[in-house]
C-alpha atoms as a PDB file:
ATOM      1  CA  MET A   1     -26.713  20.190 -95.823  1.00  0.00           C
ATOM      2  CA  ASP A   2     -29.815  18.065 -95.348  1.00  0.00           C
ATOM      3  CA  ARG A   3     -32.806  18.946 -93.148  1.00  0.00           C
ATOM      4  CA  GLN A   4     -31.621  16.961 -90.094  1.00  0.00           C
ATOM      5  CA  GLU A   5     -28.128  18.503 -90.203  1.00  0.00           C
ATOM      6  CA  THR A   6     -29.691  21.973 -90.367  1.00  0.00           C
ATOM      7  CA  LEU A   7     -31.943  21.244 -87.374  1.00  0.00           C
ATOM      8  CA  ASP A   8     -29.012  19.844 -85.410  1.00  0.00           C
ATOM      9  CA  LYS A   9     -26.941  22.936 -86.168  1.00  0.00           C
ATOM     10  CA  LEU A  10     -29.792  25.238 -85.081  1.00  0.00           C
ATOM     11  CA  ARG A  11     -29.889  23.552 -81.653  1.00  0.00           C
ATOM     12  CA  ASP A  12     -26.704  25.455 -80.818  1.00  0.00           C
ATOM     13  CA  ASP A  13     -27.568  28.973 -79.576  1.00  0.00           C
ATOM     14  CA  GLU A  14     -24.612  30.529 -81.398  1.00  0.00           C
ATOM     15  CA  ASN A  15     -25.911  29.202 -84.704  1.00  0.00           C
ATOM     16  CA  TYR A  16     -29.598  29.805 -83.927  1.00  0.00           C
ATOM     17  CA  TYR A  17     -29.096  33.458 -82.952  1.00  0.00           C
ATOM     18  CA  GLY A  18     -26.110  34.047 -85.231  1.00  0.00           C
ATOM     19  CA  GLU A  19     -25.644  34.455 -88.972  1.00  0.00           C
ATOM     20  CA  PHE A  20     -26.605  30.865 -89.743  1.00  0.00           C
ATOM     21  CA  GLY A  21     -30.008  31.196 -88.057  1.00  0.00           C
ATOM     22  CA  LYS A  22     -30.765  34.559 -89.676  1.00  0.00           C
ATOM     23  CA  GLN A  23     -31.337  32.867 -93.014  1.00  0.00           C
ATOM     24  CA  TYR A  24     -34.524  31.297 -91.596  1.00  0.00           C
ATOM     25  CA  LEU A  25     -37.768  32.916 -90.414  1.00  0.00           C
ATOM     26  CA  SER A  26     -38.199  33.162 -86.656  1.00  0.00           C
ATOM     27  CA  ASN A  27     -41.456  33.437 -84.756  1.00  0.00           C
ATOM     28  CA  SER A  28     -40.690  37.150 -84.317  1.00  0.00           C
ATOM     29  CA  ASP A  29     -40.198  37.526 -88.079  1.00  0.00           C
ATOM     30  CA  ILE A  30     -43.561  35.905 -88.782  1.00  0.00           C
ATOM     31  CA  SER A  31     -45.263  38.092 -86.176  1.00  0.00           C
ATOM     32  CA  ALA A  32     -43.750  41.220 -87.737  1.00  0.00           C
ATOM     33  CA  LEU A  33     -44.871  40.159 -91.205  1.00  0.00           C
ATOM     34  CA  LEU A  34     -48.424  39.624 -89.974  1.00  0.00           C
ATOM     35  CA  ASN A  35     -48.745  42.633 -87.672  1.00  0.00           C
ATOM     36  CA  ASN A  36     -46.278  45.277 -88.828  1.00  0.00           C
ATOM     37  CA  PRO A  37     -44.416  44.438 -92.047  1.00  0.00           C
ATOM     38  CA  LEU A  38     -42.332  47.615 -91.758  1.00  0.00           C
ATOM     39  CA  ASP A  39     -40.651  46.073 -88.692  1.00  0.00           C
ATOM     40  CA  PHE A  40     -39.689  42.890 -90.554  1.00  0.00           C
ATOM     41  CA  LYS A  41     -36.079  41.913 -89.763  1.00  0.00           C
ATOM     42  CA  LYS A  42     -35.586  44.974 -87.534  1.00  0.00           C
ATOM     43  CA  GLN A  43     -33.577  44.237 -84.417  1.00  0.00           C
ATOM     44  CA  THR A  44     -35.590  44.594 -81.198  1.00  0.00           C
ATOM     45  CA  PRO A  45     -33.824  47.013 -78.869  1.00  0.00           C
ATOM     46  CA  PRO A  46     -32.675  45.363 -75.635  1.00  0.00           C
ATOM     47  CA  SER A  47     -34.860  45.944 -72.591  1.00  0.00           C
ATOM     48  CA  ALA A  48     -35.109  44.740 -69.007  1.00  0.00           C
ATOM     49  CA  ALA A  49     -38.330  42.897 -69.898  1.00  0.00           C
ATOM     50  CA  LEU A  50     -36.560  40.919 -72.650  1.00  0.00           C
ATOM     51  CA  VAL A  51     -33.700  39.992 -70.318  1.00  0.00           C
ATOM     52  CA  ILE A  52     -36.113  38.906 -67.580  1.00  0.00           C
ATOM     53  CA  GLY A  53     -38.193  36.901 -70.066  1.00  0.00           C
ATOM     54  CA  GLY A  54     -35.074  35.301 -71.501  1.00  0.00           C
ATOM     55  CA  TYR A  55     -33.906  34.337 -68.026  1.00  0.00           C
ATOM     56  CA  PHE A  56     -37.313  32.823 -67.231  1.00  0.00           C
ATOM     57  CA  HIS A  57     -37.286  30.845 -70.492  1.00  0.00           C
ATOM     58  CA  THR A  58     -33.754  29.612 -69.832  1.00  0.00           C
ATOM     59  CA  CYS A  59     -34.523  28.809 -66.197  1.00  0.00           C
ATOM     60  CA  ILE A  60     -37.424  26.567 -67.180  1.00  0.00           C
ATOM     61  CA  LEU A  61     -36.174  24.998 -70.411  1.00  0.00           C
ATOM     62  CA  GLU A  62     -32.371  25.217 -70.347  1.00  0.00           C
ATOM     63  CA  PRO A  63     -31.206  25.655 -66.722  1.00  0.00           C
ATOM     64  CA  HIS A  64     -27.707  24.477 -67.664  1.00  0.00           C
ATOM     65  CA  LYS A  65     -27.303  27.772 -69.607  1.00  0.00           C
ATOM     66  CA  LEU A  66     -28.131  30.169 -66.738  1.00  0.00           C
ATOM     67  CA  ASP A  67     -24.478  31.105 -66.285  1.00  0.00           C
ATOM     68  CA  LYS A  68     -24.648  33.252 -69.434  1.00  0.00           C
ATOM     69  CA  TYR A  69     -26.711  35.826 -67.475  1.00  0.00           C
ATOM     70  CA  LYS A  70     -25.046  38.516 -65.433  1.00  0.00           C
ATOM     71  CA  ILE A  71     -26.875  39.042 -62.120  1.00  0.00           C
ATOM     72  CA  ILE A  72     -26.151  42.142 -60.088  1.00  0.00           C
ATOM     73  CA  LYS A  73     -26.958  42.624 -56.411  1.00  0.00           C
ATOM     74  CA  SER A  74     -28.620  46.032 -56.557  1.00  0.00           C
ATOM     75  CA  SER A  75     -32.037  47.408 -55.694  1.00  0.00           C
ATOM     76  CA  THR A  76     -32.509  49.159 -59.064  1.00  0.00           C
ATOM     77  CA  ARG A  77     -30.741  49.777 -62.366  1.00  0.00           C
ATOM     78  CA  ASN A  78     -30.190  53.399 -61.353  1.00  0.00           C
ATOM     79  CA  THR A  79     -27.611  52.765 -58.647  1.00  0.00           C
ATOM     80  CA  LYS A  80     -23.962  53.598 -59.130  1.00  0.00           C
ATOM     81  CA  ALA A  81     -22.976  49.991 -58.368  1.00  0.00           C
ATOM     82  CA  TYR A  82     -25.306  48.623 -61.066  1.00  0.00           C
ATOM     83  CA  LYS A  83     -24.054  51.090 -63.658  1.00  0.00           C
ATOM     84  CA  GLU A  84     -20.434  50.198 -62.929  1.00  0.00           C
ATOM     85  CA  LEU A  85     -20.959  46.416 -62.849  1.00  0.00           C
ATOM     86  CA  SER A  86     -23.277  46.236 -65.860  1.00  0.00           C
ATOM     87  CA  GLU A  87     -20.751  47.993 -68.122  1.00  0.00           C
ATOM     88  CA  GLY A  88     -23.649  49.494 -70.096  1.00  0.00           C
ATOM     89  CA  ASP A  89     -25.465  46.198 -70.664  1.00  0.00           C
ATOM     90  CA  ILE A  90     -28.913  45.392 -69.321  1.00  0.00           C
ATOM     91  CA  CYS A  91     -28.406  42.842 -66.557  1.00  0.00           C
ATOM     92  CA  LEU A  92     -30.686  41.043 -64.145  1.00  0.00           C
ATOM     93  CA  LEU A  93     -31.128  42.347 -60.661  1.00  0.00           C
ATOM     94  CA  GLU A  94     -30.604  39.722 -57.977  1.00  0.00           C
ATOM     95  CA  HIS A  95     -34.176  40.024 -56.689  1.00  0.00           C
ATOM     96  CA  GLU A  96     -35.517  39.472 -60.252  1.00  0.00           C
ATOM     97  CA  ALA A  97     -33.498  36.273 -60.611  1.00  0.00           C
ATOM     98  CA  ASP A  98     -34.614  35.123 -57.141  1.00  0.00           C
ATOM     99  CA  ASN A  99     -38.293  35.660 -58.038  1.00  0.00           C
ATOM    100  CA  ILE A 100     -37.890  33.660 -61.235  1.00  0.00           C
ATOM    101  CA  GLU A 101     -36.173  30.859 -59.338  1.00  0.00           C
ATOM    102  CA  LEU A 102     -39.144  30.769 -56.934  1.00  0.00           C
ATOM    103  CA  MET A 103     -41.549  30.449 -59.880  1.00  0.00           C
ATOM    104  CA  ARG A 104     -39.604  27.435 -61.095  1.00  0.00           C
ATOM    105  CA  GLU A 105     -39.935  25.528 -57.822  1.00  0.00           C
ATOM    106  CA  PRO A 106     -42.816  23.035 -57.593  1.00  0.00           C
ATOM    107  CA  VAL A 107     -45.651  24.008 -55.291  1.00  0.00           C
END
């Protein structure tokens, strides 16, 4: 596979974040090597901050992919409704998604 074919394949999220993309260094890999080599290639545990940041990134750069995020109408992640609807995953709260959408709108 030549360089252009590799780059084209990495444009697909499934390849970029999947097994194919793992054979290349990511920005996170480089940061770990520079700042904490013991964390090199360790999976970052999921967190609300990562989900919110990912949604913001997607909202700005790839709005056509926003449907991959599960948004739950709940005041917090501690409510019974959130726990049932999230099925153990970390999901966005509706007010978080709304705030990000407001940041995207031109002033």
